Amino acid sequence: KKGDRVALFLSNSPQYFIVHFGIQKLGAIVSPCSPAFKE
């Protein structure tokens, strides 16, 4: 729901655009994680 955080763990791709705007359309918050991250 609005205000919830959704994390992204992926690199450049059409999917990045899709999920970025999908999350924001719902009023939720996009939070990118670097694909270089270790555990």
Full PDB file with SEQRES, HELIX, SHEET, SSBOND, CRYST1, ORIGX, SCALE, CONECT and MASTER records, all heavy atoms in Angstrom:
SEQRES   1 A   39  LYS LYS GLY ASP ARG VAL ALA LEU PHE LEU SER ASN SER          
SEQRES   2 A   39  PRO GLN TYR PHE ILE VAL HIS PHE GLY ILE GLN LYS LEU          
SEQRES   3 A   39  GLY ALA ILE VAL SER PRO CYS SER PRO ALA PHE LYS GLU          
HELIX    1 AA1 PRO A   14  LYS A   25  1                                  12    
SHEET    1 AA1 2 ARG A   5  LEU A   8  0                                        
SHEET    2 AA1 2 ILE A  29  PRO A  32  1                                        
CRYST1    1.000    1.000    1.000  90.00  90.00  90.00 P 1           1          
ORIGX1      1.000000  0.000000  0.000000        0.00000                         
ORIGX2      0.000000  1.000000  0.000000        0.00000                         
ORIGX3      0.000000  0.000000  1.000000        0.00000                         
SCALE1      1.000000  0.000000  0.000000        0.00000                         
SCALE2      0.000000  1.000000  0.000000        0.00000                         
SCALE3      0.000000  0.000000  1.000000        0.00000                         
ATOM      1  N   LYS A   1       0.836  -1.203   0.000  1.00  0.00           N  
ATOM      2  CA  LYS A   1       0.000   0.000   0.000  1.00  0.00           C  
ATOM      3  C   LYS A   1       0.869   1.251   0.000  1.00  0.00           C  
ATOM      4  O   LYS A   1       2.092   1.180   0.069  1.00  0.00           O  
ATOM      5  CB  LYS A   1      -0.931  -0.004   1.215  1.00  0.00           C  
ATOM      6  CG  LYS A   1      -0.227  -0.094   2.549  1.00  0.00           C  
ATOM      7  CD  LYS A   1      -1.222  -0.266   3.679  1.00  0.00           C  
ATOM      8  CE  LYS A   1      -0.517  -0.288   5.034  1.00  0.00           C  
ATOM      9  NZ  LYS A   1       0.500  -1.349   5.157  1.00  0.00           N  
ATOM     10  N   LYS A   2       0.208   2.388  -0.086  1.00  0.00           N  
ATOM     11  CA  LYS A   2       0.903   3.671  -0.124  1.00  0.00           C  
ATOM     12  C   LYS A   2       1.847   3.807   1.073  1.00  0.00           C  
ATOM     13  O   LYS A   2       1.470   3.536   2.210  1.00  0.00           O  
ATOM     14  CB  LYS A   2      -0.118   4.809  -0.102  1.00  0.00           C  
ATOM     15  CG  LYS A   2       0.466   6.188  -0.327  1.00  0.00           C  
ATOM     16  CD  LYS A   2      -0.651   7.215  -0.482  1.00  0.00           C  
ATOM     17  CE  LYS A   2      -0.089   8.593  -0.801  1.00  0.00           C  
ATOM     18  NZ  LYS A   2      -1.156   9.579  -1.039  1.00  0.00           N  
ATOM     19  N   GLY A   3       3.068   4.206   0.793  1.00  0.00           N  
ATOM     20  CA  GLY A   3       4.057   4.406   1.842  1.00  0.00           C  
ATOM     21  C   GLY A   3       4.918   3.203   2.134  1.00  0.00           C  
ATOM     22  O   GLY A   3       5.952   3.330   2.810  1.00  0.00           O  
ATOM     23  N   ASP A   4       4.544   2.019   1.617  1.00  0.00           N  
ATOM     24  CA  ASP A   4       5.370   0.826   1.825  1.00  0.00           C  
ATOM     25  C   ASP A   4       6.630   0.928   0.968  1.00  0.00           C  
ATOM     26  O   ASP A   4       6.634   1.542  -0.104  1.00  0.00           O  
ATOM     27  CB  ASP A   4       4.602  -0.441   1.456  1.00  0.00           C  
ATOM     28  CG  ASP A   4       3.561  -0.805   2.497  1.00  0.00           C  
ATOM     29  OD1 ASP A   4       3.585  -0.200   3.597  1.00  0.00           O  
ATOM     30  OD2 ASP A   4       2.716  -1.679   2.216  1.00  0.00           O  
ATOM     31  N   ARG A   5       7.695   0.289   1.434  1.00  0.00           N  
ATOM     32  CA  ARG A   5       8.955   0.287   0.705  1.00  0.00           C  
ATOM     33  C   ARG A   5       9.111  -1.015  -0.072  1.00  0.00           C  
ATOM     34  O   ARG A   5       8.872  -2.094   0.485  1.00  0.00           O  
ATOM     35  CB  ARG A   5      10.157   0.443   1.655  1.00  0.00           C  
ATOM     36  CG  ARG A   5      10.365   1.845   2.204  1.00  0.00           C  
ATOM     37  CD  ARG A   5       9.420   2.212   3.300  1.00  0.00           C  
ATOM     38  NE  ARG A   5       9.445   1.251   4.397  1.00  0.00           N  
ATOM     39  CZ  ARG A   5       8.431   1.034   5.219  1.00  0.00           C  
ATOM     40  NH1 ARG A   5       7.286   1.700   5.076  1.00  0.00           N  
ATOM     41  NH2 ARG A   5       8.533   0.140   6.196  1.00  0.00           N  
ATOM     42  N   VAL A   6       9.507  -0.913  -1.337  1.00  0.00           N  
ATOM     43  CA  VAL A   6       9.787  -2.087  -2.165  1.00  0.00           C  
ATOM     44  C   VAL A   6      11.222  -1.952  -2.666  1.00  0.00           C  
ATOM     45  O   VAL A   6      11.587  -0.935  -3.258  1.00  0.00           O  
ATOM     46  CB  VAL A   6       8.811  -2.200  -3.352  1.00  0.00           C  
ATOM     47  CG1 VAL A   6       9.146  -3.421  -4.199  1.00  0.00           C  
ATOM     48  CG2 VAL A   6       7.372  -2.279  -2.850  1.00  0.00           C  
ATOM     49  N   ALA A   7      12.033  -2.988  -2.421  1.00  0.00           N  
ATOM     50  CA  ALA A   7      13.449  -2.930  -2.780  1.00  0.00           C  
ATOM     51  C   ALA A   7      13.691  -3.536  -4.154  1.00  0.00           C  
ATOM     52  O   ALA A   7      13.057  -4.531  -4.530  1.00  0.00           O  
ATOM     53  CB  ALA A   7      14.279  -3.665  -1.725  1.00  0.00           C  
ATOM     54  N   LEU A   8      14.621  -2.946  -4.900  1.00  0.00           N  
ATOM     55  CA  LEU A   8      15.030  -3.446  -6.215  1.00  0.00           C  
ATOM     56  C   LEU A   8      16.479  -3.881  -6.146  1.00  0.00           C  
ATOM     57  O   LEU A   8      17.338  -3.141  -5.644  1.00  0.00           O  
ATOM     58  CB  LEU A   8      14.887  -2.366  -7.292  1.00  0.00           C  
ATOM     59  CG  LEU A   8      13.555  -1.621  -7.396  1.00  0.00           C  
ATOM     60  CD1 LEU A   8      13.563  -0.740  -8.629  1.00  0.00           C  
ATOM     61  CD2 LEU A   8      12.402  -2.580  -7.423  1.00  0.00           C  
ATOM     62  N   PHE A   9      16.749  -5.074  -6.663  1.00  0.00           N  
ATOM     63  CA  PHE A   9      18.103  -5.640  -6.630  1.00  0.00           C  
ATOM     64  C   PHE A   9      18.415  -6.152  -8.030  1.00  0.00           C  
ATOM     65  O   PHE A   9      18.475  -7.338  -8.280  1.00  0.00           O  
ATOM     66  CB  PHE A   9      18.142  -6.772  -5.587  1.00  0.00           C  
ATOM     67  CG  PHE A   9      19.510  -7.313  -5.264  1.00  0.00           C  
ATOM     68  CD1 PHE A   9      20.628  -6.501  -5.204  1.00  0.00           C  
ATOM     69  CD2 PHE A   9      19.668  -8.668  -4.981  1.00  0.00           C  
ATOM     70  CE1 PHE A   9      21.881  -7.010  -4.880  1.00  0.00           C  
ATOM     71  CE2 PHE A   9      20.910  -9.195  -4.648  1.00  0.00           C  
ATOM     72  CZ  PHE A   9      22.023  -8.362  -4.600  1.00  0.00           C  
ATOM     73  N   LEU A  10      18.579  -5.211  -8.960  1.00  0.00           N  
ATOM     74  CA  LEU A  10      18.816  -5.573 -10.349  1.00  0.00           C  
ATOM     75  C   LEU A  10      19.492  -4.427 -11.094  1.00  0.00           C  
ATOM     76  O   LEU A  10      19.466  -3.280 -10.647  1.00  0.00           O  
ATOM     77  CB  LEU A  10      17.530  -5.977 -11.045  1.00  0.00           C  
ATOM     78  CG  LEU A  10      16.426  -4.955 -11.307  1.00  0.00           C  
ATOM     79  CD1 LEU A  10      15.488  -5.478 -12.397  1.00  0.00           C  
ATOM     80  CD2 LEU A  10      15.615  -4.657 -10.066  1.00  0.00           C  
ATOM     81  N   SER A  11      20.079  -4.787 -12.226  1.00  0.00           N  
ATOM     82  CA  SER A  11      20.805  -3.821 -13.060  1.00  0.00           C  
ATOM     83  C   SER A  11      19.911  -3.297 -14.178  1.00  0.00           C  
ATOM     84  O   SER A  11      18.723  -3.621 -14.253  1.00  0.00           O  
ATOM     85  CB  SER A  11      22.053  -4.490 -13.656  1.00  0.00           C  
ATOM     86  OG  SER A  11      22.985  -4.819 -12.652  1.00  0.00           O  
ATOM     87  N   ASN A  12      20.523  -2.508 -15.068  1.00  0.00           N  
ATOM     88  CA  ASN A  12      19.800  -1.898 -16.182  1.00  0.00           C  
ATOM     89  C   ASN A  12      19.049  -2.942 -17.001  1.00  0.00           C  
ATOM     90  O   ASN A  12      19.635  -3.937 -17.449  1.00  0.00           O  
ATOM     91  CB  ASN A  12      20.770  -1.155 -17.095  1.00  0.00           C  
ATOM     92  CG  ASN A  12      21.357   0.079 -16.457  1.00  0.00           C  
ATOM     93  OD1 ASN A  12      21.155   0.328 -15.271  1.00  0.00           O  
ATOM     94  ND2 ASN A  12      22.083   0.859 -17.236  1.00  0.00           N  
ATOM     95  N   SER A  13      17.768  -2.688 -17.217  1.00  0.00           N  
ATOM     96  CA  SER A  13      16.916  -3.594 -17.974  1.00  0.00           C  
ATOM     97  C   SER A  13      15.559  -2.919 -18.143  1.00  0.00           C  
ATOM     98  O   SER A  13      15.211  -2.022 -17.370  1.00  0.00           O  
ATOM     99  CB  SER A  13      16.745  -4.925 -17.232  1.00  0.00           C  
ATOM    100  OG  SER A  13      16.261  -4.706 -15.918  1.00  0.00           O  
ATOM    101  N   PRO A  14      14.752  -3.356 -19.125  1.00  0.00           N  
ATOM    102  CA  PRO A  14      13.389  -2.832 -19.212  1.00  0.00           C  
ATOM    103  C   PRO A  14      12.599  -3.099 -17.934  1.00  0.00           C  
ATOM    104  O   PRO A  14      11.744  -2.309 -17.540  1.00  0.00           O  
ATOM    105  CB  PRO A  14      12.794  -3.599 -20.403  1.00  0.00           C  
ATOM    106  CG  PRO A  14      13.969  -3.985 -21.232  1.00  0.00           C  
ATOM    107  CD  PRO A  14      15.077  -4.252 -20.255  1.00  0.00           C  
ATOM    108  N   GLN A  15      12.899  -4.230 -17.275  1.00  0.00           N  
ATOM    109  CA  GLN A  15      12.200  -4.571 -16.037  1.00  0.00           C  
ATOM    110  C   GLN A  15      12.400  -3.496 -14.974  1.00  0.00           C  
ATOM    111  O   GLN A  15      11.508  -3.276 -14.140  1.00  0.00           O  
ATOM    112  CB  GLN A  15      12.683  -5.914 -15.503  1.00  0.00           C  
ATOM    113  CG  GLN A  15      12.401  -7.095 -16.422  1.00  0.00           C  
ATOM    114  CD  GLN A  15      13.550  -7.433 -17.341  1.00  0.00           C  
ATOM    115  OE1 GLN A  15      14.078  -6.555 -18.029  1.00  0.00           O  
ATOM    116  NE2 GLN A  15      13.952  -8.691 -17.357  1.00  0.00           N  
ATOM    117  N   TYR A  16      13.566  -2.846 -14.982  1.00  0.00           N  
ATOM    118  CA  TYR A  16      13.809  -1.789 -13.991  1.00  0.00           C  
ATOM    119  C   TYR A  16      12.788  -0.667 -14.169  1.00  0.00           C  
ATOM    120  O   TYR A  16      12.199  -0.180 -13.200  1.00  0.00           O  
ATOM    121  CB  TYR A  16      15.240  -1.255 -14.112  1.00  0.00           C  
ATOM    122  CG  TYR A  16      15.724  -0.571 -12.860  1.00  0.00           C  
ATOM    123  CD1 TYR A  16      16.647  -1.185 -12.036  1.00  0.00           C  
ATOM    124  CD2 TYR A  16      15.235   0.677 -12.479  1.00  0.00           C  
ATOM    125  CE1 TYR A  16      17.079  -0.577 -10.858  1.00  0.00           C  
ATOM    126  CE2 TYR A  16      15.645   1.291 -11.316  1.00  0.00           C  
ATOM    127  CZ  TYR A  16      16.577   0.665 -10.516  1.00  0.00           C  
ATOM    128  OH  TYR A  16      16.984   1.271  -9.345  1.00  0.00           O  
ATOM    129  N   PHE A  17      12.594  -0.244 -15.407  1.00  0.00           N  
ATOM    130  CA  PHE A  17      11.585   0.794 -15.695  1.00  0.00           C  
ATOM    131  C   PHE A  17      10.199   0.330 -15.236  1.00  0.00           C  
ATOM    132  O   PHE A  17       9.446   1.084 -14.612  1.00  0.00           O  
ATOM    133  CB  PHE A  17      11.535   1.084 -17.200  1.00  0.00           C  
ATOM    134  CG  PHE A  17      12.578   2.035 -17.705  1.00  0.00           C  
ATOM    135  CD1 PHE A  17      13.919   1.690 -17.735  1.00  0.00           C  
ATOM    136  CD2 PHE A  17      12.220   3.279 -18.189  1.00  0.00           C  
ATOM    137  CE1 PHE A  17      14.874   2.554 -18.228  1.00  0.00           C  
ATOM    138  CE2 PHE A  17      13.169   4.167 -18.687  1.00  0.00           C  
ATOM    139  CZ  PHE A  17      14.508   3.802 -18.697  1.00  0.00           C  
ATOM    140  N   ILE A  18       9.854  -0.899 -15.574  1.00  0.00           N  
ATOM    141  CA  ILE A  18       8.508  -1.406 -15.300  1.00  0.00           C  
ATOM    142  C   ILE A  18       8.220  -1.422 -13.807  1.00  0.00           C  
ATOM    143  O   ILE A  18       7.189  -0.913 -13.352  1.00  0.00           O  
ATOM    144  CB  ILE A  18       8.350  -2.822 -15.896  1.00  0.00           C  
ATOM    145  CG1 ILE A  18       8.371  -2.759 -17.425  1.00  0.00           C  
ATOM    146  CG2 ILE A  18       7.050  -3.475 -15.409  1.00  0.00           C  
ATOM    147  CD1 ILE A  18       8.576  -4.108 -18.103  1.00  0.00           C  
ATOM    148  N   VAL A  19       9.132  -2.004 -13.030  1.00  0.00           N  
ATOM    149  CA  VAL A  19       8.848  -2.125 -11.595  1.00  0.00           C  
ATOM    150  C   VAL A  19       8.980  -0.776 -10.891  1.00  0.00           C  
ATOM    151  O   VAL A  19       8.237  -0.490  -9.948  1.00  0.00           O  
ATOM    152  CB  VAL A  19       9.743  -3.204 -10.935  1.00  0.00           C  
ATOM    153  CG1 VAL A  19       9.474  -4.558 -11.578  1.00  0.00           C  
ATOM    154  CG2 VAL A  19      11.218  -2.874 -11.000  1.00  0.00           C  
ATOM    155  N   HIS A  20       9.910   0.066 -11.338  1.00  0.00           N  
ATOM    156  CA  HIS A  20      10.086   1.395 -10.750  1.00  0.00           C  
ATOM    157  C   HIS A  20       8.769   2.179 -10.824  1.00  0.00           C  
ATOM    158  O   HIS A  20       8.278   2.688  -9.810  1.00  0.00           O  
ATOM    159  CB  HIS A  20      11.203   2.141 -11.475  1.00  0.00           C  
ATOM    160  CG  HIS A  20      11.428   3.545 -11.018  1.00  0.00           C  
ATOM    161  ND1 HIS A  20      12.432   3.887 -10.148  1.00  0.00           N  
ATOM    162  CD2 HIS A  20      10.786   4.709 -11.312  1.00  0.00           C  
ATOM    163  CE1 HIS A  20      12.395   5.187  -9.917  1.00  0.00           C  
ATOM    164  NE2 HIS A  20      11.404   5.714 -10.617  1.00  0.00           N  
ATOM    165  N   PHE A  21       8.194   2.256 -12.023  1.00  0.00           N  
ATOM    166  CA  PHE A  21       6.966   3.033 -12.179  1.00  0.00           C  
ATOM    167  C   PHE A  21       5.758   2.297 -11.604  1.00  0.00           C  
ATOM    168  O   PHE A  21       4.815   2.927 -11.117  1.00  0.00           O  
ATOM    169  CB  PHE A  21       6.753   3.412 -13.639  1.00  0.00           C  
ATOM    170  CG  PHE A  21       7.649   4.531 -14.084  1.00  0.00           C  
ATOM    171  CD1 PHE A  21       8.675   4.312 -14.976  1.00  0.00           C  
ATOM    172  CD2 PHE A  21       7.472   5.814 -13.577  1.00  0.00           C  
ATOM    173  CE1 PHE A  21       9.522   5.348 -15.373  1.00  0.00           C  
ATOM    174  CE2 PHE A  21       8.306   6.857 -13.966  1.00  0.00           C  
ATOM    175  CZ  PHE A  21       9.334   6.621 -14.853  1.00  0.00           C  
ATOM    176  N   GLY A  22       5.763   0.966 -11.643  1.00  0.00           N  
ATOM    177  CA  GLY A  22       4.672   0.225 -11.046  1.00  0.00           C  
ATOM    178  C   GLY A  22       4.579   0.467  -9.550  1.00  0.00           C  
ATOM    179  O   GLY A  22       3.494   0.680  -8.997  1.00  0.00           O  
ATOM    180  N   ILE A  23       5.708   0.450  -8.880  1.00  0.00           N  
ATOM    181  CA  ILE A  23       5.755   0.715  -7.440  1.00  0.00           C  
ATOM    182  C   ILE A  23       5.238   2.116  -7.151  1.00  0.00           C  
ATOM    183  O   ILE A  23       4.395   2.326  -6.268  1.00  0.00           O  
ATOM    184  CB  ILE A  23       7.196   0.554  -6.913  1.00  0.00           C  
ATOM    185  CG1 ILE A  23       7.647  -0.904  -7.003  1.00  0.00           C  
ATOM    186  CG2 ILE A  23       7.315   1.050  -5.460  1.00  0.00           C  
ATOM    187  CD1 ILE A  23       9.151  -1.086  -6.881  1.00  0.00           C  
ATOM    188  N   GLN A  24       5.719   3.086  -7.906  1.00  0.00           N  
ATOM    189  CA  GLN A  24       5.337   4.468  -7.651  1.00  0.00           C  
ATOM    190  C   GLN A  24       3.879   4.743  -8.005  1.00  0.00           C  
ATOM    191  O   GLN A  24       3.221   5.563  -7.352  1.00  0.00           O  
ATOM    192  CB  GLN A  24       6.270   5.411  -8.408  1.00  0.00           C  
ATOM    193  CG  GLN A  24       7.690   5.410  -7.856  1.00  0.00           C  
ATOM    194  CD  GLN A  24       8.572   6.472  -8.477  1.00  0.00           C  
ATOM    195  OE1 GLN A  24       8.256   7.037  -9.520  1.00  0.00           O  
ATOM    196  NE2 GLN A  24       9.691   6.752  -7.819  1.00  0.00           N  
ATOM    197  N   LYS A  25       3.336   4.067  -9.010  1.00  0.00           N  
ATOM    198  CA  LYS A  25       1.922   4.255  -9.343  1.00  0.00           C  
ATOM    199  C   LYS A  25       1.018   3.862  -8.185  1.00  0.00           C  
ATOM    200  O   LYS A  25      -0.074   4.411  -8.022  1.00  0.00           O  
ATOM    201  CB  LYS A  25       1.556   3.436 -10.585  1.00  0.00           C  
ATOM    202  CG  LYS A  25       2.032   4.041 -11.901  1.00  0.00           C  
ATOM    203  CD  LYS A  25       1.627   3.154 -13.066  1.00  0.00           C  
ATOM    204  CE  LYS A  25       1.967   3.809 -14.401  1.00  0.00           C  
ATOM    205  NZ  LYS A  25       1.524   3.006 -15.549  1.00  0.00           N  
ATOM    206  N   LEU A  26       1.463   2.912  -7.405  1.00  0.00           N  
ATOM    207  CA  LEU A  26       0.680   2.437  -6.269  1.00  0.00           C  
ATOM    208  C   LEU A  26       0.828   3.351  -5.055  1.00  0.00           C  
ATOM    209  O   LEU A  26       0.120   3.189  -4.063  1.00  0.00           O  
ATOM    210  CB  LEU A  26       1.131   1.018  -5.916  1.00  0.00           C  
ATOM    211  CG  LEU A  26       0.260   0.193  -4.994  1.00  0.00           C  
ATOM    212  CD1 LEU A  26      -1.129  -0.005  -5.570  1.00  0.00           C  
ATOM    213  CD2 LEU A  26       0.913  -1.161  -4.714  1.00  0.00           C  
ATOM    214  N   GLY A  27       1.741   4.326  -5.150  1.00  0.00           N  
ATOM    215  CA  GLY A  27       2.006   5.194  -4.012  1.00  0.00           C  
ATOM    216  C   GLY A  27       3.039   4.616  -3.068  1.00  0.00           C  
ATOM    217  O   GLY A  27       3.287   5.166  -1.991  1.00  0.00           O  
ATOM    218  N   ALA A  28       3.643   3.494  -3.449  1.00  0.00           N  
ATOM    219  CA  ALA A  28       4.714   2.895  -2.639  1.00  0.00           C  
ATOM    220  C   ALA A  28       6.040   3.553  -2.993  1.00  0.00           C  
ATOM    221  O   ALA A  28       6.123   4.419  -3.871  1.00  0.00           O  
ATOM    222  CB  ALA A  28       4.758   1.391  -2.853  1.00  0.00           C  
ATOM    223  N   ILE A  29       7.108   3.141  -2.304  1.00  0.00           N  
ATOM    224  CA  ILE A  29       8.403   3.813  -2.392  1.00  0.00           C  
ATOM    225  C   ILE A  29       9.443   2.859  -2.964  1.00  0.00           C  
ATOM    226  O   ILE A  29       9.623   1.749  -2.461  1.00  0.00           O  
ATOM    227  CB  ILE A  29       8.848   4.307  -1.004  1.00  0.00           C  
ATOM    228  CG1 ILE A  29       7.802   5.265  -0.421  1.00  0.00           C  
ATOM    229  CG2 ILE A  29      10.215   4.974  -1.069  1.00  0.00           C  
ATOM    230  CD1 ILE A  29       7.989   5.538   1.070  1.00  0.00           C  
ATOM    231  N   VAL A  30      10.137   3.290  -4.008  1.00  0.00           N  
ATOM    232  CA  VAL A  30      11.213   2.521  -4.630  1.00  0.00           C  
ATOM    233  C   VAL A  30      12.492   2.695  -3.817  1.00  0.00           C  
ATOM    234  O   VAL A  30      12.869   3.817  -3.467  1.00  0.00           O  
ATOM    235  CB  VAL A  30      11.465   3.003  -6.072  1.00  0.00           C  
ATOM    236  CG1 VAL A  30      12.681   2.306  -6.673  1.00  0.00           C  
ATOM    237  CG2 VAL A  30      10.232   2.796  -6.939  1.00  0.00           C  
ATOM    238  N   SER A  31      13.177   1.581  -3.537  1.00  0.00           N  
ATOM    239  CA  SER A  31      14.490   1.673  -2.886  1.00  0.00           C  
ATOM    240  C   SER A  31      15.478   0.762  -3.612  1.00  0.00           C  
ATOM    241  O   SER A  31      15.430  -0.463  -3.466  1.00  0.00           O  
ATOM    242  CB  SER A  31      14.415   1.295  -1.412  1.00  0.00           C  
ATOM    243  OG  SER A  31      15.668   1.532  -0.784  1.00  0.00           O  
ATOM    244  N   PRO A  32      16.381   1.330  -4.417  1.00  0.00           N  
ATOM    245  CA  PRO A  32      17.339   0.522  -5.157  1.00  0.00           C  
ATOM    246  C   PRO A  32      18.446  -0.016  -4.250  1.00  0.00           C  
ATOM    247  O   PRO A  32      18.942   0.681  -3.365  1.00  0.00           O  
ATOM    248  CB  PRO A  32      17.928   1.504  -6.178  1.00  0.00           C  
ATOM    249  CG  PRO A  32      17.117   2.746  -6.078  1.00  0.00           C  
ATOM    250  CD  PRO A  32      16.508   2.760  -4.720  1.00  0.00           C  
ATOM    251  N   CYS A  33      18.833  -1.267  -4.493  1.00  0.00           N  
ATOM    252  CA  CYS A  33      19.997  -1.878  -3.852  1.00  0.00           C  
ATOM    253  C   CYS A  33      21.033  -2.139  -4.938  1.00  0.00           C  
ATOM    254  O   CYS A  33      20.694  -2.616  -6.024  1.00  0.00           O  
ATOM    255  CB  CYS A  33      19.626  -3.197  -3.186  1.00  0.00           C  
ATOM    256  SG  CYS A  33      18.308  -3.102  -1.955  1.00  0.00           S  
ATOM    257  N   SER A  34      22.278  -1.866  -4.656  1.00  0.00           N  
ATOM    258  CA  SER A  34      23.322  -2.080  -5.657  1.00  0.00           C  
ATOM    259  C   SER A  34      23.447  -3.558  -5.996  1.00  0.00           C  
ATOM    260  O   SER A  34      23.557  -4.395  -5.094  1.00  0.00           O  
ATOM    261  CB  SER A  34      24.670  -1.566  -5.134  1.00  0.00           C  
ATOM    262  OG  SER A  34      25.727  -2.027  -5.957  1.00  0.00           O  
ATOM    263  N   PRO A  35      23.447  -3.924  -7.285  1.00  0.00           N  
ATOM    264  CA  PRO A  35      23.665  -5.325  -7.665  1.00  0.00           C  
ATOM    265  C   PRO A  35      25.043  -5.844  -7.267  1.00  0.00           C  
ATOM    266  O   PRO A  35      25.277  -7.051  -7.322  1.00  0.00           O  
ATOM    267  CB  PRO A  35      23.520  -5.296  -9.197  1.00  0.00           C  
ATOM    268  CG  PRO A  35      22.728  -4.075  -9.485  1.00  0.00           C  
ATOM    269  CD  PRO A  35      23.132  -3.081  -8.445  1.00  0.00           C  
ATOM    270  N   ALA A  36      25.941  -4.941  -6.863  1.00  0.00           N  
ATOM    271  CA  ALA A  36      27.257  -5.369  -6.378  1.00  0.00           C  
ATOM    272  C   ALA A  36      27.215  -5.810  -4.915  1.00  0.00           C  
ATOM    273  O   ALA A  36      28.204  -6.324  -4.394  1.00  0.00           O  
ATOM    274  CB  ALA A  36      28.261  -4.227  -6.537  1.00  0.00           C  
ATOM    275  N   PHE A  37      26.076  -5.612  -4.257  1.00  0.00           N  
ATOM    276  CA  PHE A  37      25.970  -5.971  -2.844  1.00  0.00           C  
ATOM    277  C   PHE A  37      26.265  -7.449  -2.607  1.00  0.00           C  
ATOM    278  O   PHE A  37      25.822  -8.322  -3.355  1.00  0.00           O  
ATOM    279  CB  PHE A  37      24.553  -5.701  -2.328  1.00  0.00           C  
ATOM    280  CG  PHE A  37      24.309  -4.289  -1.859  1.00  0.00           C  
ATOM    281  CD1 PHE A  37      23.052  -3.925  -1.396  1.00  0.00           C  
ATOM    282  CD2 PHE A  37      25.300  -3.335  -1.872  1.00  0.00           C  
ATOM    283  CE1 PHE A  37      22.788  -2.641  -0.961  1.00  0.00           C  
ATOM    284  CE2 PHE A  37      25.053  -2.038  -1.449  1.00  0.00           C  
ATOM    285  CZ  PHE A  37      23.795  -1.694  -0.986  1.00  0.00           C  
ATOM    286  N   LYS A  38      26.985  -7.716  -1.506  1.00  0.00           N  
ATOM    287  CA  LYS A  38      27.088  -9.057  -0.960  1.00  0.00           C  
ATOM    288  C   LYS A  38      26.034  -9.180   0.144  1.00  0.00           C  
ATOM    289  O   LYS A  38      25.291  -8.248   0.423  1.00  0.00           O  
ATOM    290  CB  LYS A  38      28.497  -9.295  -0.434  1.00  0.00           C  
ATOM    291  CG  LYS A  38      29.589  -9.184  -1.495  1.00  0.00           C  
ATOM    292  CD  LYS A  38      29.408 -10.207  -2.597  1.00  0.00           C  
ATOM    293  CE  LYS A  38      30.620 -10.306  -3.518  1.00  0.00           C  
ATOM    294  NZ  LYS A  38      30.861  -9.126  -4.338  1.00  0.00           N  
ATOM    295  N   GLU A  39      25.993 -10.346   0.782  1.00  0.00           N  
ATOM    296  CA  GLU A  39      24.852 -10.617   1.661  1.00  0.00           C  
ATOM    297  C   GLU A  39      24.717  -9.649   2.831  1.00  0.00           C  
ATOM    298  O   GLU A  39      23.599  -9.244   3.187  1.00  0.00           O  
ATOM    299  CB  GLU A  39      24.888 -12.068   2.174  1.00  0.00           C  
ATOM    300  CG  GLU A  39      26.146 -12.483   2.868  1.00  0.00           C  
ATOM    301  CD  GLU A  39      27.102 -13.226   1.949  1.00  0.00           C  
ATOM    302  OE1 GLU A  39      27.119 -12.938   0.738  1.00  0.00           O  
ATOM    303  OE2 GLU A  39      27.846 -14.087   2.457  1.00  0.00           O  
TER     304      GLU A  39                                                      
MASTER        0    0    0    1    2    0    0    6  303    1    0    3          
END                                                                             
